[in-house]
N, C-alpha and C. Protein backbone atom coordinates (compact mmCIF):
# COMPACT_ATOMS: atom_id res chain seq x y z
N MET A 1 -10.34 12.09 16.11
CA MET A 1 -9.80 11.35 17.21
C MET A 1 -8.27 11.29 17.09
N PRO A 2 -7.57 11.66 18.10
CA PRO A 2 -6.10 11.62 18.05
C PRO A 2 -5.58 10.19 18.12
N LEU A 3 -4.51 9.94 17.41
CA LEU A 3 -3.86 8.63 17.41
C LEU A 3 -2.50 8.74 18.10
N ARG A 4 -2.21 7.77 18.94
CA ARG A 4 -0.88 7.67 19.56
C ARG A 4 -0.06 6.66 18.78
N ARG A 5 1.22 6.75 18.90
CA ARG A 5 2.08 5.74 18.30
C ARG A 5 1.92 4.45 19.10
N SER A 6 1.75 3.35 18.41
CA SER A 6 1.48 2.07 19.05
C SER A 6 2.76 1.41 19.54
N LEU A 7 2.79 1.12 20.83
CA LEU A 7 3.93 0.41 21.41
C LEU A 7 3.98 -1.03 20.86
N THR A 8 2.82 -1.63 20.64
CA THR A 8 2.75 -2.99 20.12
C THR A 8 3.34 -3.07 18.71
N VAL A 9 2.98 -2.14 17.86
CA VAL A 9 3.50 -2.14 16.49
C VAL A 9 5.00 -1.87 16.51
N ARG A 10 5.44 -0.99 17.36
CA ARG A 10 6.89 -0.71 17.47
C ARG A 10 7.66 -1.94 17.93
N ALA A 11 7.13 -2.64 18.95
CA ALA A 11 7.80 -3.84 19.46
C ALA A 11 7.82 -4.94 18.41
N ALA A 12 6.70 -5.13 17.70
CA ALA A 12 6.65 -6.16 16.66
C ALA A 12 7.60 -5.82 15.51
N SER A 13 7.69 -4.56 15.16
CA SER A 13 8.60 -4.14 14.08
C SER A 13 10.05 -4.35 14.49
N LEU A 14 10.38 -4.04 15.73
CA LEU A 14 11.75 -4.25 16.22
C LEU A 14 12.07 -5.74 16.24
N ALA A 15 11.15 -6.56 16.70
CA ALA A 15 11.38 -8.01 16.72
C ALA A 15 11.58 -8.54 15.29
N PHE A 16 10.77 -8.07 14.36
CA PHE A 16 10.91 -8.47 12.96
C PHE A 16 12.29 -8.08 12.43
N ALA A 17 12.71 -6.85 12.71
CA ALA A 17 14.01 -6.38 12.22
C ALA A 17 15.15 -7.19 12.83
N LEU A 18 15.04 -7.54 14.09
CA LEU A 18 16.10 -8.33 14.73
C LEU A 18 16.17 -9.74 14.17
N VAL A 19 15.01 -10.36 13.93
CA VAL A 19 14.99 -11.70 13.35
C VAL A 19 15.58 -11.66 11.92
N CYS A 20 15.19 -10.67 11.14
CA CYS A 20 15.74 -10.54 9.78
C CYS A 20 17.24 -10.30 9.81
N THR A 21 17.69 -9.46 10.74
CA THR A 21 19.13 -9.18 10.86
C THR A 21 19.90 -10.44 11.23
N ALA A 22 19.36 -11.22 12.17
CA ALA A 22 20.02 -12.47 12.55
C ALA A 22 20.04 -13.45 11.38
N ALA A 23 18.97 -13.52 10.63
CA ALA A 23 18.93 -14.43 9.48
C ALA A 23 19.97 -14.03 8.44
N VAL A 24 20.09 -12.74 8.18
CA VAL A 24 21.10 -12.27 7.22
C VAL A 24 22.50 -12.60 7.73
N HIS A 25 22.71 -12.35 9.02
CA HIS A 25 24.04 -12.61 9.59
C HIS A 25 24.42 -14.09 9.49
N PHE A 26 23.53 -14.97 9.93
CA PHE A 26 23.86 -16.40 9.95
C PHE A 26 24.00 -16.97 8.55
N THR A 27 23.20 -16.49 7.62
CA THR A 27 23.32 -16.96 6.24
C THR A 27 24.60 -16.45 5.60
N ALA A 28 24.89 -15.18 5.77
CA ALA A 28 26.09 -14.60 5.16
C ALA A 28 27.36 -15.12 5.82
N ALA A 29 27.32 -15.42 7.11
CA ALA A 29 28.52 -15.89 7.80
C ALA A 29 29.00 -17.22 7.23
N GLN A 30 28.08 -18.05 6.78
CA GLN A 30 28.48 -19.34 6.21
C GLN A 30 29.18 -19.18 4.87
N HIS A 31 28.86 -18.12 4.14
CA HIS A 31 29.42 -17.94 2.81
C HIS A 31 30.56 -16.92 2.76
N LEU A 32 30.48 -15.88 3.59
CA LEU A 32 31.44 -14.78 3.51
C LEU A 32 32.39 -14.70 4.70
N GLY A 33 32.04 -15.32 5.79
CA GLY A 33 32.82 -15.19 7.01
C GLY A 33 32.13 -14.21 7.96
N VAL A 34 32.47 -14.30 9.23
CA VAL A 34 31.79 -13.51 10.26
C VAL A 34 32.02 -12.01 10.11
N PRO A 35 33.24 -11.51 9.87
CA PRO A 35 33.41 -10.05 9.78
C PRO A 35 32.56 -9.41 8.67
N ASP A 36 32.53 -10.03 7.50
CA ASP A 36 31.72 -9.48 6.41
C ASP A 36 30.23 -9.63 6.69
N ALA A 37 29.85 -10.69 7.37
CA ALA A 37 28.45 -10.92 7.69
C ALA A 37 27.93 -9.87 8.67
N ILE A 38 28.79 -9.42 9.56
CA ILE A 38 28.37 -8.38 10.51
C ILE A 38 28.02 -7.10 9.77
N TRP A 39 28.85 -6.71 8.80
CA TRP A 39 28.57 -5.50 8.02
C TRP A 39 27.29 -5.65 7.20
N LEU A 40 27.10 -6.80 6.61
CA LEU A 40 25.91 -7.04 5.81
C LEU A 40 24.65 -7.04 6.69
N ALA A 41 24.74 -7.64 7.87
CA ALA A 41 23.60 -7.65 8.79
C ALA A 41 23.29 -6.24 9.29
N ALA A 42 24.33 -5.46 9.55
CA ALA A 42 24.11 -4.07 9.97
C ALA A 42 23.44 -3.27 8.87
N ALA A 43 23.83 -3.50 7.64
CA ALA A 43 23.20 -2.80 6.52
C ALA A 43 21.73 -3.21 6.38
N ALA A 44 21.44 -4.48 6.58
CA ALA A 44 20.04 -4.94 6.52
C ALA A 44 19.22 -4.31 7.63
N PHE A 45 19.78 -4.24 8.84
CA PHE A 45 19.07 -3.62 9.95
C PHE A 45 18.83 -2.13 9.67
N ALA A 46 19.83 -1.45 9.13
CA ALA A 46 19.68 -0.03 8.82
C ALA A 46 18.60 0.19 7.77
N ALA A 47 18.55 -0.66 6.76
CA ALA A 47 17.51 -0.54 5.72
C ALA A 47 16.13 -0.74 6.32
N LEU A 48 15.98 -1.72 7.19
CA LEU A 48 14.68 -1.95 7.84
C LEU A 48 14.32 -0.79 8.77
N ALA A 49 15.29 -0.23 9.46
CA ALA A 49 15.03 0.91 10.35
C ALA A 49 14.57 2.13 9.55
N VAL A 50 15.21 2.40 8.44
CA VAL A 50 14.82 3.52 7.58
C VAL A 50 13.40 3.30 7.05
N SER A 51 13.10 2.09 6.64
CA SER A 51 11.75 1.78 6.15
C SER A 51 10.71 1.99 7.23
N TYR A 52 11.03 1.61 8.46
CA TYR A 52 10.08 1.80 9.56
C TYR A 52 9.86 3.28 9.85
N VAL A 53 10.92 4.06 9.82
CA VAL A 53 10.78 5.50 10.05
C VAL A 53 9.90 6.13 8.97
N ARG A 54 10.07 5.72 7.73
CA ARG A 54 9.21 6.21 6.65
C ARG A 54 7.76 5.80 6.87
N PHE A 55 7.55 4.58 7.35
CA PHE A 55 6.20 4.10 7.65
C PHE A 55 5.56 4.96 8.74
N GLU A 56 6.32 5.24 9.79
CA GLU A 56 5.81 6.06 10.90
C GLU A 56 5.42 7.45 10.43
N ARG A 57 6.20 8.03 9.55
CA ARG A 57 5.91 9.39 9.06
C ARG A 57 4.65 9.43 8.20
N ARG A 58 4.33 8.33 7.54
CA ARG A 58 3.13 8.30 6.70
C ARG A 58 1.85 8.01 7.48
N GLN A 59 1.99 7.65 8.75
CA GLN A 59 0.82 7.34 9.55
C GLN A 59 0.17 8.62 10.08
N PRO A 60 -1.17 8.64 10.11
CA PRO A 60 -1.85 9.84 10.59
C PRO A 60 -1.72 10.00 12.10
N MET A 61 -1.76 11.24 12.55
CA MET A 61 -1.77 11.54 13.98
C MET A 61 -3.18 11.90 14.46
N LEU A 62 -4.07 12.16 13.49
CA LEU A 62 -5.44 12.54 13.82
C LEU A 62 -6.36 11.99 12.73
N LEU A 63 -7.43 11.33 13.15
CA LEU A 63 -8.44 10.85 12.22
C LEU A 63 -9.73 11.61 12.49
N GLU A 64 -10.35 12.04 11.43
CA GLU A 64 -11.65 12.72 11.54
C GLU A 64 -12.67 11.89 10.77
N LEU A 65 -13.69 11.42 11.48
CA LEU A 65 -14.75 10.67 10.82
C LEU A 65 -15.79 11.63 10.30
N THR A 66 -16.12 11.49 9.04
CA THR A 66 -17.12 12.33 8.39
C THR A 66 -18.25 11.44 7.89
N PRO A 67 -19.38 12.01 7.51
CA PRO A 67 -20.45 11.18 6.94
C PRO A 67 -20.02 10.46 5.66
N ASP A 68 -19.06 11.03 4.95
CA ASP A 68 -18.61 10.44 3.69
C ASP A 68 -17.46 9.46 3.86
N GLY A 69 -16.81 9.43 5.00
CA GLY A 69 -15.68 8.53 5.19
C GLY A 69 -14.78 8.98 6.32
N VAL A 70 -13.49 9.11 6.00
CA VAL A 70 -12.50 9.44 7.01
C VAL A 70 -11.44 10.35 6.39
N ILE A 71 -10.91 11.24 7.24
CA ILE A 71 -9.82 12.13 6.84
C ILE A 71 -8.67 11.90 7.82
N GLY A 72 -7.46 11.75 7.29
CA GLY A 72 -6.28 11.57 8.13
C GLY A 72 -5.36 12.77 8.02
N TYR A 73 -4.87 13.23 9.17
CA TYR A 73 -3.98 14.39 9.23
C TYR A 73 -2.65 13.97 9.84
N ASP A 74 -1.57 14.60 9.38
CA ASP A 74 -0.27 14.35 9.99
C ASP A 74 -0.06 15.26 11.20
N ALA A 75 1.12 15.21 11.79
CA ALA A 75 1.39 15.99 12.99
C ALA A 75 1.34 17.49 12.73
N GLY A 76 1.60 17.93 11.50
CA GLY A 76 1.56 19.35 11.15
C GLY A 76 0.17 19.83 10.76
N GLY A 77 -0.81 18.95 10.75
CA GLY A 77 -2.17 19.34 10.39
C GLY A 77 -2.47 19.25 8.90
N ARG A 78 -1.52 18.73 8.11
CA ARG A 78 -1.76 18.57 6.68
C ARG A 78 -2.56 17.30 6.42
N THR A 79 -3.42 17.34 5.41
CA THR A 79 -4.23 16.19 5.07
C THR A 79 -3.38 15.13 4.37
N LEU A 80 -3.38 13.92 4.92
CA LEU A 80 -2.67 12.82 4.30
C LEU A 80 -3.56 12.06 3.33
N PHE A 81 -4.82 11.88 3.70
CA PHE A 81 -5.77 11.17 2.86
C PHE A 81 -7.17 11.54 3.28
N TYR A 82 -8.10 11.34 2.37
CA TYR A 82 -9.51 11.49 2.69
C TYR A 82 -10.31 10.68 1.68
N GLY A 83 -11.43 10.19 2.12
CA GLY A 83 -12.29 9.42 1.23
C GLY A 83 -13.11 8.42 2.00
N PRO A 84 -13.94 7.70 1.28
CA PRO A 84 -14.78 6.69 1.93
C PRO A 84 -13.97 5.46 2.32
N ILE A 85 -14.42 4.78 3.36
CA ILE A 85 -13.82 3.52 3.76
C ILE A 85 -14.43 2.44 2.87
N VAL A 86 -13.59 1.76 2.11
CA VAL A 86 -14.08 0.77 1.16
C VAL A 86 -13.78 -0.66 1.58
N GLY A 87 -13.09 -0.84 2.69
CA GLY A 87 -12.80 -2.17 3.17
C GLY A 87 -12.13 -2.12 4.51
N ALA A 88 -12.14 -3.26 5.19
CA ALA A 88 -11.50 -3.32 6.50
C ALA A 88 -11.13 -4.77 6.82
N ALA A 89 -10.12 -4.92 7.62
CA ALA A 89 -9.72 -6.22 8.15
C ALA A 89 -9.38 -6.00 9.62
N GLN A 90 -9.83 -6.93 10.46
CA GLN A 90 -9.59 -6.79 11.89
C GLN A 90 -8.99 -8.09 12.40
N TRP A 91 -8.01 -7.95 13.28
CA TRP A 91 -7.36 -9.12 13.84
C TRP A 91 -7.47 -9.08 15.35
N ALA A 92 -8.29 -9.95 15.90
CA ALA A 92 -8.37 -10.24 17.34
C ALA A 92 -8.53 -9.02 18.23
N GLU A 93 -9.33 -8.07 17.81
CA GLU A 93 -9.58 -6.87 18.62
C GLU A 93 -8.29 -6.13 18.97
N ARG A 94 -7.25 -6.35 18.20
CA ARG A 94 -5.96 -5.71 18.48
C ARG A 94 -5.49 -4.81 17.35
N LEU A 95 -5.89 -5.15 16.13
CA LEU A 95 -5.37 -4.45 14.96
C LEU A 95 -6.48 -4.29 13.94
N LEU A 96 -6.57 -3.11 13.36
CA LEU A 96 -7.57 -2.80 12.37
C LEU A 96 -6.87 -2.17 11.17
N VAL A 97 -7.16 -2.68 9.99
CA VAL A 97 -6.62 -2.12 8.76
C VAL A 97 -7.80 -1.61 7.94
N LEU A 98 -7.82 -0.31 7.69
CA LEU A 98 -8.89 0.30 6.91
C LEU A 98 -8.38 0.61 5.52
N ALA A 99 -9.18 0.31 4.51
CA ALA A 99 -8.87 0.67 3.14
C ALA A 99 -9.68 1.93 2.82
N VAL A 100 -8.98 3.03 2.56
CA VAL A 100 -9.61 4.32 2.30
C VAL A 100 -9.38 4.67 0.83
N ALA A 101 -10.50 4.82 0.10
CA ALA A 101 -10.40 5.20 -1.31
C ALA A 101 -9.98 6.66 -1.40
N GLY A 102 -9.02 6.94 -2.22
CA GLY A 102 -8.54 8.30 -2.37
C GLY A 102 -9.36 9.07 -3.38
N ALA A 103 -9.05 10.35 -3.50
CA ALA A 103 -9.73 11.19 -4.47
C ALA A 103 -9.40 10.78 -5.89
N ASP A 104 -8.16 10.30 -6.08
CA ASP A 104 -7.82 9.79 -7.40
C ASP A 104 -8.32 8.34 -7.52
N ALA A 105 -8.31 7.81 -8.69
CA ALA A 105 -8.91 6.50 -8.94
C ALA A 105 -7.92 5.35 -8.73
N ARG A 106 -6.80 5.63 -8.08
CA ARG A 106 -5.82 4.57 -7.84
C ARG A 106 -6.29 3.66 -6.72
N ARG A 107 -5.46 2.72 -6.37
CA ARG A 107 -5.83 1.76 -5.33
C ARG A 107 -6.03 2.44 -3.99
N PRO A 108 -6.84 1.85 -3.13
CA PRO A 108 -7.10 2.45 -1.81
C PRO A 108 -5.84 2.46 -0.95
N ARG A 109 -5.81 3.38 -0.01
CA ARG A 109 -4.70 3.49 0.93
C ARG A 109 -5.03 2.66 2.16
N ALA A 110 -4.09 1.88 2.64
CA ALA A 110 -4.26 1.08 3.84
C ALA A 110 -3.84 1.91 5.05
N VAL A 111 -4.73 1.99 6.03
CA VAL A 111 -4.45 2.73 7.26
C VAL A 111 -4.46 1.72 8.41
N LEU A 112 -3.34 1.63 9.10
CA LEU A 112 -3.17 0.69 10.19
C LEU A 112 -3.53 1.37 11.51
N VAL A 113 -4.47 0.79 12.26
CA VAL A 113 -4.87 1.35 13.55
C VAL A 113 -4.75 0.22 14.58
N ALA A 114 -3.80 0.35 15.49
CA ALA A 114 -3.64 -0.62 16.57
C ALA A 114 -4.55 -0.24 17.73
N ALA A 115 -4.98 -1.24 18.48
CA ALA A 115 -5.91 -1.01 19.58
C ALA A 115 -5.31 -0.11 20.65
N ASP A 116 -3.98 -0.15 20.82
CA ASP A 116 -3.38 0.69 21.85
C ASP A 116 -3.06 2.10 21.36
N SER A 117 -3.44 2.43 20.12
CA SER A 117 -3.19 3.78 19.63
C SER A 117 -4.40 4.71 19.80
N VAL A 118 -5.56 4.15 20.10
CA VAL A 118 -6.78 4.94 20.35
C VAL A 118 -7.49 4.34 21.56
N ASP A 119 -8.46 5.08 22.10
CA ASP A 119 -9.22 4.51 23.20
C ASP A 119 -10.19 3.45 22.67
N GLY A 120 -10.76 2.67 23.56
CA GLY A 120 -11.60 1.54 23.18
C GLY A 120 -12.82 1.92 22.37
N ALA A 121 -13.49 3.00 22.76
CA ALA A 121 -14.70 3.43 22.04
C ALA A 121 -14.36 3.86 20.61
N ALA A 122 -13.26 4.56 20.44
CA ALA A 122 -12.86 4.99 19.10
C ALA A 122 -12.49 3.80 18.23
N PHE A 123 -11.81 2.81 18.82
CA PHE A 123 -11.44 1.62 18.06
C PHE A 123 -12.68 0.87 17.60
N ARG A 124 -13.68 0.72 18.49
CA ARG A 124 -14.92 0.05 18.12
C ARG A 124 -15.66 0.81 17.03
N GLU A 125 -15.68 2.14 17.12
CA GLU A 125 -16.35 2.95 16.10
C GLU A 125 -15.66 2.80 14.75
N LEU A 126 -14.34 2.79 14.75
CA LEU A 126 -13.61 2.60 13.49
C LEU A 126 -13.87 1.20 12.91
N ALA A 127 -13.95 0.20 13.79
CA ALA A 127 -14.22 -1.16 13.33
C ALA A 127 -15.61 -1.26 12.71
N VAL A 128 -16.60 -0.63 13.34
CA VAL A 128 -17.96 -0.65 12.80
C VAL A 128 -18.01 0.08 11.47
N ARG A 129 -17.37 1.24 11.39
CA ARG A 129 -17.33 1.99 10.12
C ARG A 129 -16.63 1.18 9.03
N GLY A 130 -15.59 0.47 9.43
CA GLY A 130 -14.87 -0.36 8.47
C GLY A 130 -15.72 -1.50 7.94
N ARG A 131 -16.44 -2.16 8.83
CA ARG A 131 -17.32 -3.25 8.39
C ARG A 131 -18.43 -2.73 7.50
N GLN A 132 -18.99 -1.58 7.83
CA GLN A 132 -20.05 -0.98 7.01
C GLN A 132 -19.52 -0.59 5.64
N GLY A 133 -18.33 -0.07 5.60
CA GLY A 133 -17.74 0.34 4.33
C GLY A 133 -17.34 -0.82 3.46
N ALA A 134 -17.08 -1.97 4.07
CA ALA A 134 -16.65 -3.14 3.32
C ALA A 134 -17.80 -3.77 2.54
N TYR A 135 -19.05 -3.46 2.90
CA TYR A 135 -20.20 -4.10 2.22
C TYR A 135 -20.91 -3.15 1.31
């Protein structure tokens, strides 16, 4: 199933970055002055923007459900992860977080699936698979 980039996650991430930037600015302005606080706030915003871009690149563009679990592919068709679903968390029919056990024995990978990134039937199927894998 193809995944689209979620407008909701993008908007929430931008709002988070703006609130953090404002907090850095107002806190630093009291101690360093406004000109220095602007540079510090800009640096904080840039760091958050870079982190978000890295997050976006690690997200799959295609999910393939298999009898054994799920496989995630990037935009180039390379496998990002594969393995059984070992846990799931769902928030208000809007957001689903799947824990996918990797081939290595390290901790599971968290895969974020927003409701607006897939069609309704695919989201429900992923939620059911997640609940089944969690037990």
